[in-house]
Amino acid sequence: EDKYVAVIETGVLELGAEV
């Protein structure tokens, strides 16, 4: 489960950085 959480957080960070 933690792996999925890390992936989601990474995706959010990338989206935030992209914007």
Protein backbone atom coordinates (compact mmCIF):
# COMPACT_ATOMS: atom_id res chain seq x y z
CA GLU A 1 0.00 0.00 0.00
CA ASP A 2 2.82 2.38 0.86
CA LYS A 3 4.22 1.86 -2.64
CA TYR A 4 1.00 3.13 -4.19
CA VAL A 5 0.96 6.13 -1.84
CA ALA A 6 4.52 7.01 -2.86
CA VAL A 7 3.61 6.73 -6.55
CA ILE A 8 0.56 8.93 -6.09
CA GLU A 9 2.52 11.56 -4.16
CA THR A 10 5.23 11.52 -6.82
CA GLY A 11 2.61 12.01 -9.52
CA VAL A 12 1.09 14.93 -7.60
CA LEU A 13 4.51 16.52 -7.16
CA GLU A 14 5.23 16.16 -10.87
CA LEU A 15 1.85 17.66 -11.78
CA GLY A 16 2.45 20.54 -9.37
CA ALA A 17 5.93 21.14 -10.78
CA GLU A 18 4.61 20.88 -14.34
CA VAL A 19 2.03 23.56 -13.57
